[in-house]
């Protein structure tokens, strides 16, 4: 499991830690952001643009749109590193 520092403000909430678990055998990553009670799984074969849209839509339910956009970009970068 990797812990990344998001360091993003969402109103009065500071989103600091993002937890990413990679399951190489089943080819997916699990992402969790406890501060906003949010998580999702990402399949290895998922297209980057589709993933960005899905993450933005899902995150927008829990945070402001600007924050969702920033987090989605960071998540895509971090998942791509793994």
PDB file of N, CA and C in Angstrom:
ATOM      1  N   UNK A   1       0.854  -1.173   0.000  1.00  0.00           N
ATOM      2  CA  UNK A   1       0.000   0.000   0.000  1.00  0.00           C
ATOM      3  C   UNK A   1       0.898   1.234   0.000  1.00  0.00           C
ATOM      4  N   UNK A   2       0.490   2.206  -0.794  1.00  0.00           N
ATOM      5  CA  UNK A   2       1.203   3.478  -0.859  1.00  0.00           C
ATOM      6  C   UNK A   2       0.320   4.568  -0.261  1.00  0.00           C
ATOM      7  N   UNK A   3       0.938   5.514   0.391  1.00  0.00           N
ATOM      8  CA  UNK A   3       0.225   6.675   0.928  1.00  0.00           C
ATOM      9  C   UNK A   3       0.800   7.899   0.228  1.00  0.00           C
ATOM     10  N   UNK A   4      -0.070   8.623  -0.450  1.00  0.00           N
ATOM     11  CA  UNK A   4       0.334   9.833  -1.164  1.00  0.00           C
ATOM     12  C   UNK A   4      -0.246  11.054  -0.454  1.00  0.00           C
ATOM     13  N   UNK A   5       0.432  12.162  -0.568  1.00  0.00           N
ATOM     14  CA  UNK A   5      -0.016  13.421   0.039  1.00  0.00           C
ATOM     15  C   UNK A   5      -0.747  14.249  -1.012  1.00  0.00           C
ATOM     16  N   UNK A   6      -2.064  14.374  -0.859  1.00  0.00           N
ATOM     17  CA  UNK A   6      -2.860  15.159  -1.803  1.00  0.00           C
ATOM     18  C   UNK A   6      -2.719  16.644  -1.508  1.00  0.00           C
ATOM     19  N   UNK A   7      -2.763  17.004  -0.226  1.00  0.00           N
ATOM     20  CA  UNK A   7      -2.655  18.403   0.206  1.00  0.00           C
ATOM     21  C   UNK A   7      -3.585  19.323  -0.579  1.00  0.00           C
ATOM     22  N   UNK A   8      -4.880  19.016  -0.502  1.00  0.00           N
ATOM     23  CA  UNK A   8      -5.915  19.763  -1.215  1.00  0.00           C
ATOM     24  C   UNK A   8      -6.941  20.253  -0.202  1.00  0.00           C
ATOM     25  N   UNK A   9      -7.393  21.489  -0.375  1.00  0.00           N
ATOM     26  CA  UNK A   9      -8.447  22.039   0.486  1.00  0.00           C
ATOM     27  C   UNK A   9      -9.794  21.864  -0.185  1.00  0.00           C
ATOM     28  N   UNK A  10     -10.771  21.434   0.599  1.00  0.00           N
ATOM     29  CA  UNK A  10     -12.158  21.349   0.148  1.00  0.00           C
ATOM     30  C   UNK A  10     -12.987  22.109   1.177  1.00  0.00           C
ATOM     31  N   UNK A  11     -13.113  23.398   0.973  1.00  0.00           N
ATOM     32  CA  UNK A  11     -13.792  24.212   1.979  1.00  0.00           C
ATOM     33  C   UNK A  11     -12.965  24.225   3.244  1.00  0.00           C
ATOM     34  N   UNK A  12     -13.563  23.775   4.343  1.00  0.00           N
ATOM     35  CA  UNK A  12     -12.863  23.749   5.632  1.00  0.00           C
ATOM     36  C   UNK A  12     -12.115  22.438   5.867  1.00  0.00           C
ATOM     37  N   UNK A  13     -12.322  21.465   4.989  1.00  0.00           N
ATOM     38  CA  UNK A  13     -11.682  20.156   5.134  1.00  0.00           C
ATOM     39  C   UNK A  13     -10.375  20.133   4.340  1.00  0.00           C
ATOM     40  N   UNK A  14      -9.301  19.702   5.003  1.00  0.00           N
ATOM     41  CA  UNK A  14      -8.010  19.553   4.339  1.00  0.00           C
ATOM     42  C   UNK A  14      -7.823  18.084   4.008  1.00  0.00           C
ATOM     43  N   UNK A  15      -7.733  17.775   2.738  1.00  0.00           N
ATOM     44  CA  UNK A  15      -7.548  16.393   2.292  1.00  0.00           C
ATOM     45  C   UNK A  15      -6.048  16.162   2.169  1.00  0.00           C
ATOM     46  N   UNK A  16      -5.525  15.349   3.075  1.00  0.00           N
ATOM     47  CA  UNK A  16      -4.082  15.151   3.123  1.00  0.00           C
ATOM     48  C   UNK A  16      -3.664  13.819   2.523  1.00  0.00           C
ATOM     49  N   UNK A  17      -4.150  12.705   3.067  1.00  0.00           N
ATOM     50  CA  UNK A  17      -3.668  11.390   2.669  1.00  0.00           C
ATOM     51  C   UNK A  17      -4.592  10.692   1.680  1.00  0.00           C
ATOM     52  N   UNK A  18      -3.961  10.068   0.679  1.00  0.00           N
ATOM     53  CA  UNK A  18      -4.654   9.207  -0.275  1.00  0.00           C
ATOM     54  C   UNK A  18      -3.970   7.848  -0.181  1.00  0.00           C
ATOM     55  N   UNK A  19      -4.750   6.808   0.039  1.00  0.00           N
ATOM     56  CA  UNK A  19      -4.220   5.455   0.189  1.00  0.00           C
ATOM     57  C   UNK A  19      -4.473   4.678  -1.097  1.00  0.00           C
ATOM     58  N   UNK A  20      -3.408   4.076  -1.640  1.00  0.00           N
ATOM     59  CA  UNK A  20      -3.523   3.323  -2.883  1.00  0.00           C
ATOM     60  C   UNK A  20      -2.959   1.925  -2.652  1.00  0.00           C
ATOM     61  N   UNK A  21      -3.821   0.932  -2.847  1.00  0.00           N
ATOM     62  CA  UNK A  21      -3.415  -0.467  -2.726  1.00  0.00           C
ATOM     63  C   UNK A  21      -3.417  -1.065  -4.125  1.00  0.00           C
ATOM     64  N   UNK A  22      -2.318  -1.685  -4.509  1.00  0.00           N
ATOM     65  CA  UNK A  22      -2.228  -2.301  -5.832  1.00  0.00           C
ATOM     66  C   UNK A  22      -2.268  -3.818  -5.699  1.00  0.00           C
ATOM     67  N   UNK A  23      -3.192  -4.444  -6.424  1.00  0.00           N
ATOM     68  CA  UNK A  23      -3.287  -5.897  -6.477  1.00  0.00           C
ATOM     69  C   UNK A  23      -2.810  -6.323  -7.863  1.00  0.00           C
ATOM     70  N   UNK A  24      -1.539  -6.677  -7.963  1.00  0.00           N
ATOM     71  CA  UNK A  24      -0.951  -7.021  -9.258  1.00  0.00           C
ATOM     72  C   UNK A  24      -1.534  -8.307  -9.828  1.00  0.00           C
ATOM     73  N   UNK A  25      -1.853  -9.249  -8.965  1.00  0.00           N
ATOM     74  CA  UNK A  25      -2.374 -10.533  -9.438  1.00  0.00           C
ATOM     75  C   UNK A  25      -3.726 -10.368 -10.127  1.00  0.00           C
ATOM     76  N   UNK A  26      -4.607  -9.556  -9.545  1.00  0.00           N
ATOM     77  CA  UNK A  26      -5.939  -9.357 -10.126  1.00  0.00           C
ATOM     78  C   UNK A  26      -6.017  -8.088 -10.974  1.00  0.00           C
ATOM     79  N   UNK A  27      -4.900  -7.397 -11.132  1.00  0.00           N
ATOM     80  CA  UNK A  27      -4.748  -6.248 -12.021  1.00  0.00           C
ATOM     81  C   UNK A  27      -5.721  -5.102 -11.740  1.00  0.00           C
ATOM     82  N   UNK A  28      -5.690  -4.618 -10.506  1.00  0.00           N
ATOM     83  CA  UNK A  28      -6.475  -3.440 -10.154  1.00  0.00           C
ATOM     84  C   UNK A  28      -5.814  -2.713  -8.990  1.00  0.00           C
ATOM     85  N   UNK A  29      -6.206  -1.456  -8.828  1.00  0.00           N
ATOM     86  CA  UNK A  29      -5.769  -0.655  -7.683  1.00  0.00           C
ATOM     87  C   UNK A  29      -6.999  -0.196  -6.927  1.00  0.00           C
ATOM     88  N   UNK A  30      -6.891  -0.138  -5.620  1.00  0.00           N
ATOM     89  CA  UNK A  30      -7.963   0.358  -4.760  1.00  0.00           C
ATOM     90  C   UNK A  30      -7.484   1.681  -4.175  1.00  0.00           C
ATOM     91  N   UNK A  31      -8.305   2.720  -4.338  1.00  0.00           N
ATOM     92  CA  UNK A  31      -7.952   4.058  -3.873  1.00  0.00           C
ATOM     93  C   UNK A  31      -8.937   4.476  -2.790  1.00  0.00           C
ATOM     94  N   UNK A  32      -8.433   5.023  -1.689  1.00  0.00           N
ATOM     95  CA  UNK A  32      -9.305   5.484  -0.601  1.00  0.00           C
ATOM     96  C   UNK A  32      -8.840   6.848  -0.097  1.00  0.00           C
ATOM     97  N   UNK A  33      -9.833   7.715   0.169  1.00  0.00           N
ATOM     98  CA  UNK A  33      -9.572   9.025   0.764  1.00  0.00           C
ATOM     99  C   UNK A  33     -10.482   9.136   1.986  1.00  0.00           C
ATOM    100  N   UNK A  34      -9.974   8.767   3.169  1.00  0.00           N
ATOM    101  CA  UNK A  34     -10.806   8.737   4.377  1.00  0.00           C
ATOM    102  C   UNK A  34     -11.422  10.079   4.768  1.00  0.00           C
ATOM    103  N   UNK A  35     -10.722  11.186   4.531  1.00  0.00           N
ATOM    104  CA  UNK A  35     -11.237  12.498   4.949  1.00  0.00           C
ATOM    105  C   UNK A  35     -12.582  12.833   4.320  1.00  0.00           C
ATOM    106  N   UNK A  36     -12.848  12.285   3.142  1.00  0.00           N
ATOM    107  CA  UNK A  36     -14.132  12.555   2.477  1.00  0.00           C
ATOM    108  C   UNK A  36     -14.981  11.290   2.355  1.00  0.00           C
ATOM    109  N   UNK A  37     -14.561  10.234   3.051  1.00  0.00           N
ATOM    110  CA  UNK A  37     -15.279   8.952   3.045  1.00  0.00           C
ATOM    111  C   UNK A  37     -15.544   8.485   1.618  1.00  0.00           C
ATOM    112  N   UNK A  38     -14.460   8.356   0.834  1.00  0.00           N
ATOM    113  CA  UNK A  38     -14.557   8.018  -0.583  1.00  0.00           C
ATOM    114  C   UNK A  38     -13.557   6.925  -0.926  1.00  0.00           C
ATOM    115  N   UNK A  39     -13.968   6.009  -1.811  1.00  0.00           N
ATOM    116  CA  UNK A  39     -13.052   4.996  -2.328  1.00  0.00           C
ATOM    117  C   UNK A  39     -13.554   4.496  -3.674  1.00  0.00           C
ATOM    118  N   UNK A  40     -12.645   3.903  -4.430  1.00  0.00           N
ATOM    119  CA  UNK A  40     -12.997   3.310  -5.719  1.00  0.00           C
ATOM    120  C   UNK A  40     -11.917   2.316  -6.106  1.00  0.00           C
ATOM    121  N   UNK A  41     -12.218   1.477  -7.078  1.00  0.00           N
ATOM    122  CA  UNK A  41     -11.209   0.581  -7.627  1.00  0.00           C
ATOM    123  C   UNK A  41     -10.984   0.948  -9.086  1.00  0.00           C
ATOM    124  N   UNK A  42      -9.763   0.723  -9.547  1.00  0.00           N
ATOM    125  CA  UNK A  42      -9.375   1.061 -10.912  1.00  0.00           C
ATOM    126  C   UNK A  42      -8.749  -0.174 -11.544  1.00  0.00           C
ATOM    127  N   UNK A  43      -9.354  -0.644 -12.626  1.00  0.00           N
ATOM    128  CA  UNK A  43      -8.806  -1.778 -13.367  1.00  0.00           C
ATOM    129  C   UNK A  43      -7.631  -1.305 -14.220  1.00  0.00           C
ATOM    130  N   UNK A  44      -6.629  -2.152 -14.398  1.00  0.00           N
ATOM    131  CA  UNK A  44      -5.453  -1.781 -15.182  1.00  0.00           C
ATOM    132  C   UNK A  44      -5.819  -1.375 -16.608  1.00  0.00           C
ATOM    133  N   UNK A  45      -6.796  -2.059 -17.207  1.00  0.00           N
ATOM    134  CA  UNK A  45      -7.107  -1.820 -18.620  1.00  0.00           C
ATOM    135  C   UNK A  45      -8.016  -0.608 -18.848  1.00  0.00           C
ATOM    136  N   UNK A  46      -8.433   0.065 -17.796  1.00  0.00           N
ATOM    137  CA  UNK A  46      -9.330   1.214 -17.939  1.00  0.00           C
ATOM    138  C   UNK A  46      -8.616   2.363 -18.662  1.00  0.00           C
ATOM    139  N   UNK A  47      -9.277   2.907 -19.678  1.00  0.00           N
ATOM    140  CA  UNK A  47      -8.710   4.010 -20.467  1.00  0.00           C
ATOM    141  C   UNK A  47      -8.558   5.267 -19.613  1.00  0.00           C
ATOM    142  N   UNK A  48      -7.512   6.013 -19.863  1.00  0.00           N
ATOM    143  CA  UNK A  48      -7.173   7.189 -19.057  1.00  0.00           C
ATOM    144  C   UNK A  48      -8.282   8.254 -19.065  1.00  0.00           C
ATOM    145  N   UNK A  49      -8.824   8.575 -20.232  1.00  0.00           N
ATOM    146  CA  UNK A  49      -9.869   9.606 -20.320  1.00  0.00           C
ATOM    147  C   UNK A  49     -11.164   9.147 -19.646  1.00  0.00           C
ATOM    148  N   UNK A  50     -11.511   7.879 -19.834  1.00  0.00           N
ATOM    149  CA  UNK A  50     -12.701   7.329 -19.174  1.00  0.00           C
ATOM    150  C   UNK A  50     -12.516   7.347 -17.662  1.00  0.00           C
ATOM    151  N   UNK A  51     -11.325   6.992 -17.220  1.00  0.00           N
ATOM    152  CA  UNK A  51     -11.019   6.984 -15.794  1.00  0.00           C
ATOM    153  C   UNK A  51     -11.123   8.394 -15.213  1.00  0.00           C
ATOM    154  N   UNK A  52     -10.567   9.373 -15.923  1.00  0.00           N
ATOM    155  CA  UNK A  52     -10.620  10.753 -15.442  1.00  0.00           C
ATOM    156  C   UNK A  52     -12.064  11.213 -15.284  1.00  0.00           C
ATOM    157  N   UNK A  53     -12.906  10.908 -16.272  1.00  0.00           N
ATOM    158  CA  UNK A  53     -14.320  11.301 -16.211  1.00  0.00           C
ATOM    159  C   UNK A  53     -15.030  10.597 -15.057  1.00  0.00           C
ATOM    160  N   UNK A  54     -14.756   9.306 -14.886  1.00  0.00           N
ATOM    161  CA  UNK A  54     -15.397   8.533 -13.808  1.00  0.00           C
ATOM    162  C   UNK A  54     -14.972   9.040 -12.434  1.00  0.00           C
ATOM    163  N   UNK A  55     -13.675   9.281 -12.264  1.00  0.00           N
ATOM    164  CA  UNK A  55     -13.182   9.788 -10.983  1.00  0.00           C
ATOM    165  C   UNK A  55     -13.765  11.164 -10.679  1.00  0.00           C
ATOM    166  N   UNK A  56     -13.790  12.045 -11.682  1.00  0.00           N
ATOM    167  CA  UNK A  56     -14.333  13.390 -11.484  1.00  0.00           C
ATOM    168  C   UNK A  56     -15.799  13.317 -11.072  1.00  0.00           C
ATOM    169  N   UNK A  57     -16.571  12.495 -11.769  1.00  0.00           N
ATOM    170  CA  UNK A  57     -18.000  12.367 -11.453  1.00  0.00           C
ATOM    171  C   UNK A  57     -18.209  11.838 -10.035  1.00  0.00           C
ATOM    172  N   UNK A  58     -17.453  10.823  -9.671  1.00  0.00           N
ATOM    173  CA  UNK A  58     -17.585  10.223  -8.347  1.00  0.00           C
ATOM    174  C   UNK A  58     -17.130  11.183  -7.245  1.00  0.00           C
ATOM    175  N   UNK A  59     -15.989  11.825  -7.446  1.00  0.00           N
ATOM    176  CA  UNK A  59     -15.465  12.754  -6.444  1.00  0.00           C
ATOM    177  C   UNK A  59     -16.361  13.975  -6.283  1.00  0.00           C
ATOM    178  N   UNK A  60     -16.997  14.413  -7.366  1.00  0.00           N
ATOM    179  CA  UNK A  60     -17.872  15.597  -7.327  1.00  0.00           C
ATOM    180  C   UNK A  60     -19.050  15.420  -6.385  1.00  0.00           C
ATOM    181  N   UNK A  61     -19.392  14.181  -6.076  1.00  0.00           N
ATOM    182  CA  UNK A  61     -20.489  13.916  -5.141  1.00  0.00           C
ATOM    183  C   UNK A  61     -20.077  14.217  -3.697  1.00  0.00           C
ATOM    184  N   UNK A  62     -18.757  14.238  -3.443  1.00  0.00           N
ATOM    185  CA  UNK A  62     -18.253  14.423  -2.083  1.00  0.00           C
ATOM    186  C   UNK A  62     -17.508  15.734  -1.856  1.00  0.00           C
ATOM    187  N   UNK A  63     -17.025  16.344  -2.942  1.00  0.00           N
ATOM    188  CA  UNK A  63     -16.224  17.570  -2.816  1.00  0.00           C
ATOM    189  C   UNK A  63     -16.630  18.579  -3.889  1.00  0.00           C
ATOM    190  N   UNK A  64     -16.120  19.802  -3.767  1.00  0.00           N
ATOM    191  CA  UNK A  64     -16.373  20.844  -4.769  1.00  0.00           C
ATOM    192  C   UNK A  64     -15.769  20.433  -6.114  1.00  0.00           C
ATOM    193  N   UNK A  65     -16.314  20.958  -7.208  1.00  0.00           N
ATOM    194  CA  UNK A  65     -15.853  20.573  -8.544  1.00  0.00           C
ATOM    195  C   UNK A  65     -14.370  20.862  -8.768  1.00  0.00           C
ATOM    196  N   UNK A  66     -13.890  22.006  -8.289  1.00  0.00           N
ATOM    197  CA  UNK A  66     -12.470  22.340  -8.464  1.00  0.00           C
ATOM    198  C   UNK A  66     -11.589  21.321  -7.742  1.00  0.00           C
ATOM    199  N   UNK A  67     -12.015  20.945  -6.547  1.00  0.00           N
ATOM    200  CA  UNK A  67     -11.277  19.953  -5.760  1.00  0.00           C
ATOM    201  C   UNK A  67     -11.323  18.601  -6.445  1.00  0.00           C
ATOM    202  N   UNK A  68     -12.484  18.223  -6.973  1.00  0.00           N
ATOM    203  CA  UNK A  68     -12.634  16.944  -7.673  1.00  0.00           C
ATOM    204  C   UNK A  68     -11.712  16.882  -8.882  1.00  0.00           C
ATOM    205  N   UNK A  69     -11.626  17.973  -9.616  1.00  0.00           N
ATOM    206  CA  UNK A  69     -10.760  18.018 -10.799  1.00  0.00           C
ATOM    207  C   UNK A  69      -9.293  17.857 -10.409  1.00  0.00           C
ATOM    208  N   UNK A  70      -8.877  18.557  -9.367  1.00  0.00           N
ATOM    209  CA  UNK A  70      -7.490  18.472  -8.905  1.00  0.00           C
ATOM    210  C   UNK A  70      -7.164  17.073  -8.384  1.00  0.00           C
ATOM    211  N   UNK A  71      -8.063  16.511  -7.585  1.00  0.00           N
ATOM    212  CA  UNK A  71      -7.841  15.163  -7.054  1.00  0.00           C
ATOM    213  C   UNK A  71      -7.811  14.124  -8.168  1.00  0.00           C
ATOM    214  N   UNK A  72      -8.728  14.212  -9.125  1.00  0.00           N
ATOM    215  CA  UNK A  72      -8.774  13.249 -10.230  1.00  0.00           C
ATOM    216  C   UNK A  72      -7.451  13.250 -10.994  1.00  0.00           C
ATOM    217  N   UNK A  73      -6.913  14.428 -11.265  1.00  0.00           N
ATOM    218  CA  UNK A  73      -5.637  14.525 -11.983  1.00  0.00           C
ATOM    219  C   UNK A  73      -4.505  13.881 -11.181  1.00  0.00           C
ATOM    220  N   UNK A  74      -4.475  14.138  -9.887  1.00  0.00           N
ATOM    221  CA  UNK A  74      -3.434  13.548  -9.040  1.00  0.00           C
ATOM    222  C   UNK A  74      -3.578  12.031  -8.969  1.00  0.00           C
ATOM    223  N   UNK A  75      -4.812  11.543  -8.826  1.00  0.00           N
ATOM    224  CA  UNK A  75      -5.045  10.103  -8.731  1.00  0.00           C
ATOM    225  C   UNK A  75      -4.609   9.388 -10.005  1.00  0.00           C
ATOM    226  N   UNK A  76      -4.934   9.959 -11.150  1.00  0.00           N
ATOM    227  CA  UNK A  76      -4.540   9.348 -12.424  1.00  0.00           C
ATOM    228  C   UNK A  76      -3.018   9.276 -12.521  1.00  0.00           C
ATOM    229  N   UNK A  77      -2.353  10.326 -12.116  1.00  0.00           N
ATOM    230  CA  UNK A  77      -0.887  10.330 -12.136  1.00  0.00           C
ATOM    231  C   UNK A  77      -0.325   9.242 -11.219  1.00  0.00           C
ATOM    232  N   UNK A  78      -0.840   9.169  -9.999  1.00  0.00           N
ATOM    233  CA  UNK A  78      -0.321   8.195  -9.039  1.00  0.00           C
ATOM    234  C   UNK A  78      -0.605   6.760  -9.455  1.00  0.00           C
ATOM    235  N   UNK A  79      -1.786   6.500  -9.972  1.00  0.00           N
ATOM    236  CA  UNK A  79      -2.118   5.139 -10.414  1.00  0.00           C
ATOM    237  C   UNK A  79      -1.249   4.767 -11.613  1.00  0.00           C
ATOM    238  N   UNK A  80      -0.986   5.740 -12.477  1.00  0.00           N
ATOM    239  CA  UNK A  80      -0.124   5.492 -13.635  1.00  0.00           C
ATOM    240  C   UNK A  80       1.308   5.157 -13.258  1.00  0.00           C
ATOM    241  N   UNK A  81       1.769   5.649 -12.122  1.00  0.00           N
ATOM    242  CA  UNK A  81       3.124   5.358 -11.637  1.00  0.00           C
ATOM    243  C   UNK A  81       3.281   3.909 -11.211  1.00  0.00           C
ATOM    244  N   UNK A  82       2.195   3.307 -10.769  1.00  0.00           N
ATOM    245  CA  UNK A  82       2.274   1.974 -10.175  1.00  0.00           C
ATOM    246  C   UNK A  82       2.283   0.894 -11.195  1.00  0.00           C
TER     247      UNK A  82
END
